[in-house]
Amino acid sequence: MRRYVNLLEGAILPSLGALAAPIMATSLIQMAYNLVDMIWIGRISADAVAAVGAAGMFMWFSNGLATLSKMGGQIKVGQSLGHDDRPGAASYAHGAIVSGIVLALVFSLVCVLFAHPLIGFFNLNSSQVAADARSYLIITCGLVIFSFLNQIYTGIFTAMGNSRTSFAATAIGLVLNLILDPMFIFGFGPIPALGVSGAAIATVLAQAVVTLIFLQAAKADELLFPQIRLFSFPDRNAVADILRLGLPSALQSMLFSCISMVIARMIAVWGDGAVAVQKVGSQIESISWMSAEGFAAALNTFTAQNYGAGNARRIETGLSLSVRIMLGWGLFTTAVLLFFPGPIFRIFITDPSIQAMGIDYLRILALSQAFMCLEYTAAGTFNGLGRTLPPSIVSVTLTAARIPLAAVLTSWLGLNGVWWAITISSFAKGILLFGWLYKKKREPGFLTRETSPALDA
């Protein structure tokens, strides 16, 4: 079995599927990572879930910083390999890794030094919940370098047409997390019961093992990594290109997390239980958006490599197939969340009053899943072309609109008004971004290398 999928020749659906399947499986495993934490933490109390939910917002924010290096690196590595420029691809991979390490160290320092005011932003009602949130923040974000490296290596290997390595590494991390979570949360032998802090320790240890696996895989690689000298200074122009391309997506992700923090603060008015509902509900819903995000990553690489090789018609055919696949997935997840919200939510939280809020969350968010899949499909294509600005404009603008929309709707619908604001904005994002892509791809030269891959709209 070949390690690298050939995305430039042959039938499109099998090659795109061969790359996408492990990425989507990896996304589902990452979702399982989070759900495992929620299941065990939910056995402590709803307050513990609220603590992890608040601190987890900053882990979400850190993913945006990691995207700065990951997205730019993945795009440029893919385009360089499509153009048969291995030294250039190695230079971009080197720049992505080094810049990611620097960003991770800076972010870790900020989170450790300012943990108290960062958690204080949420105005949590319980002092114990706030204390647990600070502990979780310091551990997970203080050692966030493993998460950064895992994301960046995933992007590089995906750009090379090798998504199986990321799947294997993440699967091993999940199994380890399954073992370590109950040991550190509830205690085992000489290990004391550490509660929320134990969940954070288990997560970081699992992430560290995944990083070691990636380093071993890079050492064994013969296509790209032998040309990288990790402890040397990266090429400045390569780093500049990476940051230029990654910046819109990174700002999109970070602003998205900031907007979510504001909404979480709004939700806290209804109590810490409502914060727990948002945390658990978003993790359940991630079965849809993380799969869509995984497929979009494969489409990104497919588009980038074929853009580098000048295969415009192949890009258009791949996009058409992707739309049909992702719409089907979005409709399936809509049905699951709409018709089975109770049995799903009860897995995580046993408090009946909180379950009722969670069921409302899942049913309302279910309605937006197909539109969210359209958004990710369009974003994957734009990003593979090196045009990362349009997805960011649409996402940031309409995600920010959730705040005033939620303020209006909650006056009529209470807490459910927040969930409706999220759903309505997802409708709009999917329709507008896909419409933008459809209009642009009809322009002569849009899908060919002759046009500039700069951040034009």
Protein backbone atom coordinates (compact mmCIF):
# COMPACT_ATOMS: atom_id res chain seq x y z
CA MET A 1 0.00 0.00 0.00
CA ARG A 2 1.39 3.37 -1.03
CA ARG A 3 2.07 5.82 1.76
CA TYR A 4 1.36 8.88 -0.38
CA VAL A 5 -1.88 9.29 -2.34
CA ASN A 6 -1.46 10.46 -5.95
CA LEU A 7 -3.85 13.39 -6.24
CA LEU A 8 -2.66 14.57 -9.66
CA GLU A 9 -3.63 11.58 -11.81
CA GLY A 10 -6.28 8.88 -12.08
CA ALA A 11 -9.87 8.72 -10.85
CA ILE A 12 -10.64 11.64 -8.55
CA LEU A 13 -13.12 10.12 -6.11
CA PRO A 14 -10.92 7.16 -5.05
CA SER A 15 -7.82 9.35 -4.58
CA LEU A 16 -9.72 12.11 -2.78
CA GLY A 17 -11.50 9.51 -0.67
CA ALA A 18 -8.23 7.75 0.16
CA LEU A 19 -6.82 11.04 1.49
CA ALA A 20 -10.02 12.25 3.13
CA ALA A 21 -11.05 9.06 4.94
CA PRO A 22 -8.10 8.99 7.39
CA ILE A 23 -8.39 12.76 7.96
CA MET A 24 -12.09 12.48 8.75
CA ALA A 25 -11.37 9.48 10.94
CA THR A 26 -8.69 11.53 12.68
CA SER A 27 -11.24 14.32 13.25
CA LEU A 28 -13.69 11.83 14.71
CA ILE A 29 -10.93 10.51 16.97
CA GLN A 30 -10.17 14.07 18.09
CA MET A 31 -13.87 14.48 18.80
CA ALA A 32 -13.75 11.24 20.79
CA TYR A 33 -10.78 12.70 22.72
CA ASN A 34 -12.99 15.55 23.82
CA LEU A 35 -16.06 13.40 24.45
CA VAL A 36 -14.07 10.99 26.62
CA ASP A 37 -13.04 13.93 28.78
CA MET A 38 -16.66 15.10 28.96
CA ILE A 39 -17.96 11.66 29.93
CA TRP A 40 -15.48 11.28 32.78
CA ILE A 41 -15.68 14.90 33.92
CA GLY A 42 -19.47 14.75 33.77
CA ARG A 43 -19.26 11.94 36.32
CA ILE A 44 -17.67 14.42 38.74
CA SER A 45 -20.35 17.12 38.39
CA ALA A 46 -21.89 19.63 36.02
CA ASP A 47 -19.70 22.26 37.74
CA ALA A 48 -16.61 20.35 36.62
CA VAL A 49 -17.91 20.39 33.04
CA ALA A 50 -18.45 24.14 33.30
CA ALA A 51 -14.87 24.62 34.53
CA VAL A 52 -13.44 22.67 31.60
CA GLY A 53 -15.78 24.51 29.25
CA ALA A 54 -14.50 27.90 30.33
CA ALA A 55 -10.80 26.95 30.24
CA GLY A 56 -11.31 25.05 27.00
CA MET A 57 -12.17 28.30 25.25
CA PHE A 58 -8.50 29.26 25.47
CA MET A 59 -7.40 25.93 24.03
CA TRP A 60 -9.78 26.73 21.19
CA PHE A 61 -8.14 30.14 20.84
CA SER A 62 -4.72 28.45 20.72
CA ASN A 63 -5.88 26.41 17.73
CA GLY A 64 -6.17 29.69 15.85
CA LEU A 65 -2.55 30.52 16.58
CA ALA A 66 -1.52 27.05 15.45
CA THR A 67 -3.52 27.60 12.25
CA LEU A 68 -1.25 30.55 11.44
CA SER A 69 1.59 28.10 10.81
CA LYS A 70 -0.42 25.02 9.87
CA MET A 71 -2.62 26.52 7.14
CA GLY A 72 0.11 28.49 5.40
CA GLY A 73 2.50 25.55 5.62
CA GLN A 74 -0.04 23.05 4.30
CA ILE A 75 -0.99 25.25 1.34
CA LYS A 76 2.59 26.05 0.29
CA VAL A 77 3.88 22.50 0.79
CA GLY A 78 0.99 21.16 -1.30
CA GLN A 79 1.44 23.71 -4.08
CA SER A 80 5.21 23.17 -4.15
CA LEU A 81 4.88 19.40 -4.40
CA GLY A 82 2.28 19.79 -7.15
CA HIS A 83 4.84 21.91 -9.00
CA ASP A 84 7.49 19.22 -8.34
CA ASP A 85 9.56 21.55 -6.13
CA ARG A 86 10.68 19.38 -3.20
CA PRO A 87 13.34 21.79 -1.84
CA GLY A 88 10.71 24.55 -1.76
CA ALA A 89 8.24 22.25 -0.01
CA ALA A 90 10.88 21.36 2.60
CA SER A 91 11.62 25.04 3.19
CA TYR A 92 7.95 25.77 3.82
CA ALA A 93 7.60 22.76 6.14
CA HIS A 94 10.63 23.94 8.13
CA GLY A 95 9.22 27.46 8.42
CA ALA A 96 5.84 26.15 9.58
CA ILE A 97 7.35 24.00 12.35
CA VAL A 98 9.71 26.65 13.73
CA SER A 99 7.14 29.46 13.64
CA GLY A 100 4.64 27.15 15.37
CA ILE A 101 7.07 26.40 18.19
CA VAL A 102 7.69 30.10 18.81
CA LEU A 103 3.98 30.92 18.85
CA ALA A 104 3.26 28.03 21.24
CA LEU A 105 5.88 29.17 23.73
CA VAL A 106 4.58 32.75 23.74
CA PHE A 107 0.97 31.62 24.21
CA SER A 108 1.93 29.26 27.04
CA LEU A 109 3.70 32.03 28.91
CA VAL A 110 0.69 34.36 28.63
CA CYS A 111 -1.76 31.71 29.87
CA VAL A 112 0.36 30.75 32.88
CA LEU A 113 1.03 34.34 33.94
CA PHE A 114 -2.51 35.63 33.42
CA ALA A 115 -4.64 32.59 34.29
CA HIS A 116 -6.63 34.44 36.97
CA PRO A 117 -7.90 37.37 34.84
CA LEU A 118 -8.43 35.11 31.81
CA ILE A 119 -10.83 32.84 33.70
CA GLY A 120 -12.28 35.83 35.56
CA PHE A 121 -13.61 37.09 32.21
CA PHE A 122 -16.42 34.51 32.31
CA ASN A 123 -17.87 35.70 35.64
CA LEU A 124 -18.40 32.13 36.80
CA ASN A 125 -20.80 31.88 39.73
CA SER A 126 -18.82 29.37 41.82
CA SER A 127 -15.36 30.03 43.22
CA GLN A 128 -14.58 26.30 42.99
CA VAL A 129 -15.54 26.21 39.31
CA ALA A 130 -13.23 29.19 38.69
CA ALA A 131 -10.36 27.53 40.59
CA ASP A 132 -10.77 24.30 38.62
CA ALA A 133 -10.89 26.27 35.37
CA ARG A 134 -7.61 28.01 36.22
CA SER A 135 -5.91 24.69 36.97
CA TYR A 136 -7.13 23.20 33.68
CA LEU A 137 -5.98 26.30 31.79
CA ILE A 138 -2.48 26.33 33.29
CA ILE A 139 -1.87 22.66 32.54
CA THR A 140 -3.33 22.37 29.04
CA CYS A 141 -2.30 25.77 27.70
CA GLY A 142 0.98 25.85 29.61
CA LEU A 143 2.02 22.75 27.65
CA VAL A 144 0.21 23.63 24.44
CA ILE A 145 3.35 23.10 22.35
CA PHE A 146 2.39 19.45 21.84
CA SER A 147 -0.99 20.44 20.44
CA PHE A 148 0.68 22.98 18.11
CA LEU A 149 3.20 20.50 16.77
CA ASN A 150 0.57 17.83 16.25
CA GLN A 151 -1.57 20.17 14.17
CA ILE A 152 1.35 21.42 12.09
CA TYR A 153 2.71 17.94 11.40
CA THR A 154 -0.80 16.83 10.47
CA GLY A 155 -0.98 19.66 7.92
CA ILE A 156 2.42 18.85 6.44
CA PHE A 157 1.80 15.11 6.14
CA THR A 158 -1.62 15.82 4.61
CA ALA A 159 -0.06 18.19 2.06
CA MET A 160 2.29 15.33 1.12
CA GLY A 161 -0.71 13.09 0.40
CA ASN A 162 -0.15 11.03 3.56
CA SER A 163 -3.09 11.19 5.95
CA ARG A 164 -2.65 7.71 7.41
CA THR A 165 0.24 8.77 9.65
CA SER A 166 -1.91 11.40 11.37
CA PHE A 167 -4.70 8.89 11.80
CA ALA A 168 -2.42 6.31 13.40
CA ALA A 169 -0.78 8.83 15.74
CA THR A 170 -4.09 10.31 16.85
CA ALA A 171 -5.65 6.85 17.35
CA ILE A 172 -2.81 5.84 19.65
CA GLY A 173 -3.26 9.10 21.57
CA LEU A 174 -6.97 8.37 22.02
CA VAL A 175 -6.35 4.90 23.41
CA LEU A 176 -3.82 6.35 25.83
CA ASN A 177 -6.26 9.09 26.84
CA LEU A 178 -8.95 6.48 27.47
CA ILE A 179 -6.60 4.74 29.91
CA LEU A 180 -5.19 7.83 31.61
CA ASP A 181 -8.40 9.83 32.09
CA PRO A 182 -10.02 7.73 34.84
CA MET A 183 -6.62 7.06 36.44
CA PHE A 184 -5.82 10.75 36.93
CA ILE A 185 -9.39 11.99 37.51
CA PHE A 186 -10.45 9.43 40.11
CA GLY A 187 -7.07 8.07 41.24
CA PHE A 188 -5.39 4.72 40.71
CA GLY A 189 -2.81 3.09 42.99
CA PRO A 190 -0.16 5.69 43.88
CA ILE A 191 -1.88 8.29 41.66
CA PRO A 192 -4.21 10.50 43.78
CA ALA A 193 -7.64 11.62 42.57
CA LEU A 194 -6.99 14.93 40.81
CA GLY A 195 -10.41 15.70 39.35
CA VAL A 196 -10.39 18.40 36.67
CA SER A 197 -6.59 18.78 36.91
CA GLY A 198 -6.26 15.05 36.29
CA ALA A 199 -8.23 15.34 33.07
CA ALA A 200 -5.85 18.08 31.92
CA ILE A 201 -2.77 15.98 32.79
CA ALA A 202 -4.16 12.96 30.92
CA THR A 203 -4.84 15.08 27.84
CA VAL A 204 -1.37 16.63 27.79
CA LEU A 205 0.38 13.29 28.27
CA ALA A 206 -1.59 11.80 25.36
CA GLN A 207 -0.73 14.81 23.17
CA ALA A 208 2.96 14.46 24.04
CA VAL A 209 2.95 10.81 22.92
CA VAL A 210 1.31 11.82 19.63
CA THR A 211 4.08 14.38 19.09
CA LEU A 212 6.74 11.70 19.62
CA ILE A 213 5.03 9.50 17.03
CA PHE A 214 5.04 12.34 14.51
CA LEU A 215 8.75 12.95 15.13
CA GLN A 216 9.47 9.26 14.51
CA ALA A 217 7.38 9.31 11.33
CA ALA A 218 9.26 12.40 10.11
CA LYS A 219 12.55 10.66 10.82
CA ALA A 220 11.49 7.68 8.69
CA ASP A 221 10.16 9.83 5.82
CA GLU A 222 12.16 9.96 2.56
CA LEU A 223 10.11 12.48 0.57
CA LEU A 224 10.47 15.75 2.46
CA PHE A 225 11.83 15.68 6.00
CA PRO A 226 15.43 14.57 5.19
CA GLN A 227 15.90 18.03 3.67
CA ILE A 228 14.82 19.81 6.87
CA ARG A 229 17.34 20.90 9.51
CA LEU A 230 14.99 21.62 12.39
CA PHE A 231 17.46 23.48 14.61
CA SER A 232 18.52 25.94 11.91
CA PHE A 233 16.89 29.25 11.08
CA PRO A 234 14.10 28.89 8.49
CA ASP A 235 14.06 30.86 5.26
CA ARG A 236 12.59 34.30 5.98
CA ASN A 237 10.69 34.47 2.71
CA ALA A 238 9.15 31.05 3.34
CA VAL A 239 8.03 32.11 6.82
CA ALA A 240 6.62 35.35 5.42
CA ASP A 241 4.61 33.42 2.81
CA ILE A 242 3.33 31.01 5.47
CA LEU A 243 2.23 33.78 7.81
CA ARG A 244 0.67 35.78 4.96
CA LEU A 245 -1.43 32.85 3.83
CA GLY A 246 -2.19 31.58 7.32
CA LEU A 247 -3.12 34.96 8.83
CA PRO A 248 -6.74 35.21 7.56
CA SER A 249 -7.55 31.66 8.70
CA ALA A 250 -5.79 32.22 12.02
CA LEU A 251 -7.63 35.48 12.67
CA GLN A 252 -10.86 33.75 11.69
CA SER A 253 -10.27 30.97 14.21
CA MET A 254 -9.10 33.25 17.02
CA LEU A 255 -11.91 35.75 16.52
CA PHE A 256 -14.33 32.86 16.38
CA SER A 257 -13.12 31.68 19.76
CA CYS A 258 -13.24 35.24 21.17
CA ILE A 259 -16.81 35.63 19.95
CA SER A 260 -17.64 32.27 21.53
CA MET A 261 -16.17 33.54 24.82
CA VAL A 262 -18.47 36.55 24.71
CA ILE A 263 -21.43 34.29 24.00
CA ALA A 264 -20.32 31.99 26.86
CA ARG A 265 -20.36 35.00 29.15
CA MET A 266 -23.88 35.79 27.96
CA ILE A 267 -24.90 32.19 28.59
CA ALA A 268 -23.48 32.29 32.14
CA VAL A 269 -26.44 34.53 33.08
CA TRP A 270 -28.52 31.33 33.02
CA GLY A 271 -26.10 29.62 35.44
CA ASP A 272 -23.08 27.34 35.25
CA GLY A 273 -25.37 24.56 34.00
CA ALA A 274 -25.98 26.54 30.81
CA VAL A 275 -22.20 26.83 30.31
CA ALA A 276 -21.98 23.06 30.68
CA VAL A 277 -24.71 22.63 28.05
CA GLN A 278 -22.76 24.73 25.57
CA LYS A 279 -19.59 22.73 26.25
CA VAL A 280 -21.18 19.29 25.97
CA GLY A 281 -23.53 20.26 23.15
CA SER A 282 -20.74 21.68 21.02
CA GLN A 283 -18.70 18.50 21.54
CA ILE A 284 -21.62 16.34 20.43
CA GLU A 285 -22.25 18.56 17.41
CA SER A 286 -18.57 18.29 16.52
CA ILE A 287 -19.30 14.88 14.97
CA SER A 288 -20.59 16.97 12.07
CA TRP A 289 -18.27 19.97 11.86
CA MET A 290 -15.04 18.15 12.65
CA SER A 291 -15.77 15.60 9.91
CA ALA A 292 -16.54 18.44 7.51
CA GLU A 293 -13.36 20.21 8.57
CA GLY A 294 -11.39 16.99 7.97
CA PHE A 295 -12.81 16.57 4.48
CA ALA A 296 -12.08 20.24 3.78
CA ALA A 297 -8.43 19.62 4.74
CA ALA A 298 -8.24 16.84 2.15
CA LEU A 299 -9.92 19.07 -0.44
CA ASN A 300 -7.42 21.80 0.45
CA THR A 301 -4.50 19.48 -0.37
CA PHE A 302 -6.18 18.11 -3.51
CA THR A 303 -6.81 21.65 -4.73
CA ALA A 304 -3.33 22.93 -3.77
CA GLN A 305 -1.46 20.12 -5.54
CA ASN A 306 -3.58 20.37 -8.70
CA TYR A 307 -3.33 24.15 -8.65
CA GLY A 308 0.46 23.81 -8.51
CA ALA A 309 0.31 21.37 -11.44
CA GLY A 310 -2.10 23.55 -13.45
CA ASN A 311 -4.98 21.03 -13.45
CA ALA A 312 -7.94 23.44 -13.38
CA ARG A 313 -10.50 20.97 -14.72
CA ARG A 314 -9.51 18.40 -12.12
CA ILE A 315 -10.04 20.97 -9.35
CA GLU A 316 -13.54 21.74 -10.61
CA THR A 317 -14.50 18.07 -10.83
CA GLY A 318 -13.15 17.42 -7.34
CA LEU A 319 -15.20 20.32 -5.98
CA SER A 320 -18.39 19.01 -7.58
CA LEU A 321 -17.91 15.56 -6.04
CA SER A 322 -17.07 17.09 -2.66
CA VAL A 323 -20.26 19.16 -2.56
CA ARG A 324 -22.42 16.08 -3.05
CA ILE A 325 -20.55 14.07 -0.43
CA MET A 326 -20.62 16.80 2.22
CA LEU A 327 -24.27 17.70 1.67
CA GLY A 328 -25.12 14.05 2.25
CA TRP A 329 -23.13 14.04 5.49
CA GLY A 330 -24.76 17.26 6.67
CA LEU A 331 -28.26 15.88 6.12
CA PHE A 332 -27.36 12.67 7.95
CA THR A 333 -26.09 14.51 11.03
CA THR A 334 -29.15 16.75 10.94
CA ALA A 335 -31.36 13.67 11.22
CA VAL A 336 -29.31 12.19 14.10
CA LEU A 337 -29.27 15.38 16.18
CA LEU A 338 -32.89 16.23 15.44
CA PHE A 339 -34.45 12.86 16.26
CA PHE A 340 -32.16 11.46 18.97
CA PRO A 341 -31.01 14.41 21.13
CA GLY A 342 -32.15 12.98 24.47
CA PRO A 343 -30.38 9.60 24.41
CA ILE A 344 -27.20 11.28 23.15
CA PHE A 345 -27.06 14.08 25.72
CA ARG A 346 -27.88 11.77 28.66
CA ILE A 347 -24.58 9.97 28.06
CA PHE A 348 -22.71 13.01 29.35
CA ILE A 349 -24.86 14.72 31.99
CA THR A 350 -27.44 13.06 34.25
CA ASP A 351 -29.07 16.19 35.73
CA PRO A 352 -32.63 16.31 34.23
CA SER A 353 -32.85 20.10 34.20
CA ILE A 354 -29.58 20.41 32.30
CA GLN A 355 -30.61 17.59 29.94
CA ALA A 356 -33.68 19.58 28.91
CA MET A 357 -31.49 22.56 27.91
CA GLY A 358 -29.12 20.22 26.07
CA ILE A 359 -31.93 18.66 24.02
CA ASP A 360 -33.05 22.12 22.89
CA TYR A 361 -29.46 22.94 21.91
CA LEU A 362 -29.03 19.84 19.74
CA ARG A 363 -32.40 20.16 17.99
CA ILE A 364 -31.87 23.81 17.09
CA LEU A 365 -28.27 23.33 15.91
CA ALA A 366 -29.31 20.26 13.89
CA LEU A 367 -31.02 22.49 11.34
CA SER A 368 -27.78 24.18 10.24
CA GLN A 369 -25.56 21.16 9.58
CA ALA A 370 -25.89 20.95 5.78
CA PHE A 371 -25.15 24.67 5.43
CA MET A 372 -22.11 24.31 7.67
CA CYS A 373 -20.85 21.50 5.41
CA LEU A 374 -21.23 23.76 2.36
CA GLU A 375 -19.19 26.44 4.15
CA TYR A 376 -16.32 24.05 4.90
CA THR A 377 -16.31 22.67 1.34
CA ALA A 378 -16.04 26.15 -0.15
CA ALA A 379 -13.39 27.14 2.41
CA GLY A 380 -11.27 24.07 1.60
CA THR A 381 -11.27 25.01 -2.09
CA PHE A 382 -10.49 28.69 -1.51
CA ASN A 383 -7.64 27.79 0.87
CA GLY A 384 -6.11 25.25 -1.51
CA LEU A 385 -5.96 27.97 -4.15
CA GLY A 386 -4.07 30.17 -1.69
CA ARG A 387 -7.04 32.53 -1.38
CA THR A 388 -7.62 32.40 2.34
CA LEU A 389 -9.31 35.80 2.65
CA PRO A 390 -12.86 35.07 1.40
CA PRO A 391 -13.58 32.30 3.97
CA SER A 392 -12.26 34.54 6.73
CA ILE A 393 -14.35 37.54 5.70
CA VAL A 394 -17.56 35.52 5.61
CA SER A 395 -16.85 33.59 8.80
CA VAL A 396 -15.68 36.50 10.95
CA THR A 397 -18.45 38.88 9.84
CA LEU A 398 -21.34 36.48 10.30
CA THR A 399 -19.97 34.83 13.42
CA ALA A 400 -19.61 38.27 15.02
CA ALA A 401 -23.24 38.92 14.07
CA ARG A 402 -24.20 36.18 16.54
CA ILE A 403 -23.63 38.55 19.47
CA PRO A 404 -26.22 41.24 18.61
CA LEU A 405 -28.54 38.62 17.14
CA ALA A 406 -28.37 36.58 20.35
CA ALA A 407 -29.01 39.72 22.41
CA VAL A 408 -32.21 40.33 20.44
CA LEU A 409 -33.44 36.73 20.31
CA THR A 410 -32.83 35.99 24.00
CA SER A 411 -35.30 38.74 24.91
CA TRP A 412 -37.96 36.65 23.15
CA LEU A 413 -36.74 33.07 23.49
CA GLY A 414 -34.51 33.06 26.56
CA LEU A 415 -31.44 30.80 26.39
CA ASN A 416 -32.69 29.19 23.18
CA GLY A 417 -32.26 32.55 21.49
CA VAL A 418 -28.49 32.03 21.68
CA TRP A 419 -28.74 28.68 19.93
CA TRP A 420 -30.98 30.17 17.22
CA ALA A 421 -28.45 32.97 16.65
CA ILE A 422 -25.75 30.35 16.03
CA THR A 423 -27.97 28.38 13.65
CA ILE A 424 -29.11 31.40 11.64
CA SER A 425 -25.52 32.61 11.17
CA SER A 426 -24.53 29.13 9.97
CA PHE A 427 -27.28 29.26 7.35
CA ALA A 428 -25.93 32.56 6.09
CA LYS A 429 -22.25 31.52 6.11
CA GLY A 430 -22.86 28.41 4.04
CA ILE A 431 -24.99 30.18 1.45
CA LEU A 432 -22.77 33.25 1.07
CA LEU A 433 -19.37 31.53 0.93
CA PHE A 434 -20.49 28.83 -1.48
CA GLY A 435 -22.16 31.48 -3.64
CA TRP A 436 -18.93 33.51 -3.62
CA LEU A 437 -16.91 30.50 -4.74
CA TYR A 438 -19.41 29.58 -7.46
CA LYS A 439 -19.24 33.13 -8.83
CA LYS A 440 -15.42 33.32 -8.71
CA LYS A 441 -14.77 29.94 -10.32
CA ARG A 442 -16.65 31.04 -13.43
CA GLU A 443 -14.09 33.80 -13.97
CA PRO A 444 -11.39 32.93 -16.55
CA GLY A 445 -8.08 31.95 -14.95
CA PHE A 446 -9.39 31.63 -11.38
CA LEU A 447 -8.39 27.97 -11.06
CA THR A 448 -5.07 28.21 -12.93
CA ARG A 449 -1.58 28.90 -11.65
CA GLU A 450 -1.17 31.89 -13.95
CA THR A 451 -3.28 33.94 -11.57
CA SER A 452 -1.65 35.25 -8.42
CA PRO A 453 -2.08 33.08 -5.32
CA ALA A 454 -2.11 36.17 -3.16
CA LEU A 455 -4.88 36.93 -0.75
CA ASP A 456 -7.19 38.43 -3.31
CA ALA A 457 -10.93 38.04 -2.99
